[in-house]
Each structure stands twice: as C-alpha cells, then as structure tokens.
C-alpha cells in the first residue's frame, strides 16, 4: 500500500461524511416541503414581493418580475386564476402553484 492512498487526516474524512449526510437529509426534507406547502404559508400574488414570489416552485426571478410588472400594469389579482394573464403561466404551472397561493379580498 502506498503512502499516497492513506488519508492521514481522519478529521477531514469525518467532516466530509457528515457534510454528505447533512446534504442528503436536507435534500429529503426539501423534497417533502415542496410536495405540499406548510400550513399557513401561502403567498398572495397581489401583494408579494419579487423575492417572495421567486421562491415558489417553478417561479424564478424572471417570472416573479413578470408577475410584479403585470400587477403594476393591470392591477391586483382578484383570483389565483388571474395569474394566467402573466406570460409564462399556463394551466400546468398554475396547477402546480395553486397550493402555494391565496388571494385575499381587497379592503
């Protein structure tokens, strides 16, 4: 056995193994969180910021920007279905977003 194949830094090996396990746990937790929204955490597209919108599944920075620009041009969304007026949101994307959205009545 050559000296090059022996890891003389067991602390580094342990740290790498712990990091790998932590990544796997976080990936599994993240997948379960994406599957269904946490109770009480929904976004109103009529009032949400670009940052809040961009964390929704299937919505990145450019689509979040499009939602905010549409809202500024056409007024607030009166229902979740109104999001289909935004370019890039069709029936499939709206169906995926629906559990994460709510539209509150304007005062």
Protein backbone atom coordinates (compact mmCIF):
# COMPACT_ATOMS: atom_id res chain seq x y z
CA UNK A 1 0.00 0.00 0.00
CA UNK A 2 1.49 3.34 -0.99
CA UNK A 3 1.59 6.33 1.29
CA UNK A 4 -0.44 8.40 -1.20
CA UNK A 5 -3.58 6.27 -0.71
CA UNK A 6 -3.63 6.61 3.08
CA UNK A 7 -5.62 9.57 4.37
CA UNK A 8 -3.64 10.95 7.28
CA UNK A 9 -6.39 13.47 8.10
CA UNK A 10 -9.21 11.45 9.68
CA UNK A 11 -10.90 14.65 10.83
CA UNK A 12 -11.34 15.71 7.20
CA UNK A 13 -12.83 12.35 6.29
CA UNK A 14 -15.32 12.56 9.15
CA UNK A 15 -16.22 16.13 8.19
CA UNK A 16 -16.83 15.11 4.57
CA UNK A 17 -19.01 12.19 5.65
CA UNK A 18 -21.03 14.43 7.97
CA UNK A 19 -21.45 17.00 5.20
CA UNK A 20 -22.67 14.31 2.80
CA UNK A 21 -25.20 13.01 5.33
CA UNK A 22 -26.39 16.56 6.05
CA UNK A 23 -26.88 17.18 2.31
CA UNK A 24 -28.93 14.02 1.95
CA UNK A 25 -31.11 14.91 4.93
CA UNK A 26 -31.68 18.46 3.64
CA UNK A 27 -32.49 17.19 0.14
CA UNK A 28 -35.03 14.76 1.52
CA UNK A 29 -36.55 17.41 3.79
CA UNK A 30 -36.68 19.91 0.93
CA UNK A 31 -38.46 17.43 -1.33
CA UNK A 32 -41.10 16.79 1.32
CA UNK A 33 -41.59 20.54 1.81
CA UNK A 34 -42.08 21.08 -1.93
CA UNK A 35 -44.64 18.30 -2.11
CA UNK A 36 -47.15 20.23 -0.01
CA UNK A 37 -46.99 23.69 1.49
CA UNK A 38 -46.64 24.19 5.19
CA UNK A 39 -49.98 25.11 6.72
CA UNK A 40 -50.27 28.87 6.95
CA UNK A 41 -47.53 29.65 4.43
CA UNK A 42 -49.12 30.90 1.25
CA UNK A 43 -48.30 33.85 -0.93
CA UNK A 44 -50.72 36.48 -2.18
CA UNK A 45 -49.52 37.40 -5.69
CA UNK A 46 -51.26 40.76 -5.38
CA UNK A 47 -49.03 41.87 -2.51
CA UNK A 48 -45.97 39.60 -2.56
CA UNK A 49 -42.53 40.95 -3.34
CA UNK A 50 -40.39 39.62 -6.17
CA UNK A 51 -38.27 37.78 -3.60
CA UNK A 52 -41.31 36.07 -2.08
CA UNK A 53 -42.63 35.05 -5.49
CA UNK A 54 -39.28 33.77 -6.73
CA UNK A 55 -39.08 31.07 -4.04
CA UNK A 56 -42.28 29.41 -5.22
CA UNK A 57 -41.79 26.13 -7.11
CA UNK A 58 -41.45 26.82 -10.82
CA UNK A 59 -41.11 30.59 -10.34
CA UNK A 60 -37.69 32.09 -10.72
CA UNK A 61 -36.53 35.70 -10.73
CA UNK A 62 -37.73 36.47 -14.27
CA UNK A 63 -41.23 35.05 -13.78
CA UNK A 64 -41.50 36.79 -10.40
CA UNK A 65 -40.59 40.04 -12.16
CA UNK A 66 -43.25 39.38 -14.82
CA UNK A 67 -45.89 38.84 -12.10
CA UNK A 68 -44.97 42.11 -10.37
CA UNK A 69 -44.95 44.03 -13.68
CA UNK A 70 -48.33 42.59 -14.67
CA UNK A 71 -49.74 43.54 -11.29
CA UNK A 72 -48.43 47.09 -11.71
CA UNK A 73 -49.94 47.37 -15.21
CA UNK A 74 -53.28 45.62 -14.74
CA UNK A 75 -53.99 45.94 -11.04
CA UNK A 76 -54.19 43.27 -8.34
CA UNK A 77 -55.11 39.68 -8.99
CA UNK A 78 -58.72 39.06 -7.97
CA UNK A 79 -58.28 35.28 -8.01
CA UNK A 80 -55.48 32.76 -8.38
CA UNK A 81 -56.78 32.06 -11.90
CA UNK A 82 -55.92 35.65 -12.91
CA UNK A 83 -52.25 34.64 -12.91
CA UNK A 84 -52.80 33.06 -16.33
CA UNK A 85 -52.69 36.59 -17.76
CA UNK A 86 -48.94 36.57 -16.99
CA UNK A 87 -46.83 35.29 -19.87
CA UNK A 88 -45.21 32.03 -18.75
CA UNK A 89 -48.06 30.88 -16.51
CA UNK A 90 -50.29 28.38 -18.21
CA UNK A 91 -52.68 25.77 -16.83
CA UNK A 92 -49.95 23.31 -15.80
CA UNK A 93 -47.81 25.85 -13.98
CA UNK A 94 -50.87 27.38 -12.33
CA UNK A 95 -51.96 23.93 -11.11
CA UNK A 96 -48.51 23.40 -9.56
CA UNK A 97 -48.58 26.83 -7.91
CA UNK A 98 -52.18 26.75 -6.68
CA UNK A 99 -51.43 25.10 -3.27
CA UNK A 100 -48.91 27.85 -2.54
CA UNK A 101 -51.15 30.79 -3.46
CA UNK A 102 -54.00 32.70 -1.92
CA UNK A 103 -55.72 35.90 -2.96
CA UNK A 104 -57.21 37.98 -0.20
CA UNK A 105 -60.08 40.36 -0.77
CA UNK A 106 -59.06 43.98 -1.06
CA UNK A 107 -60.35 46.16 1.81
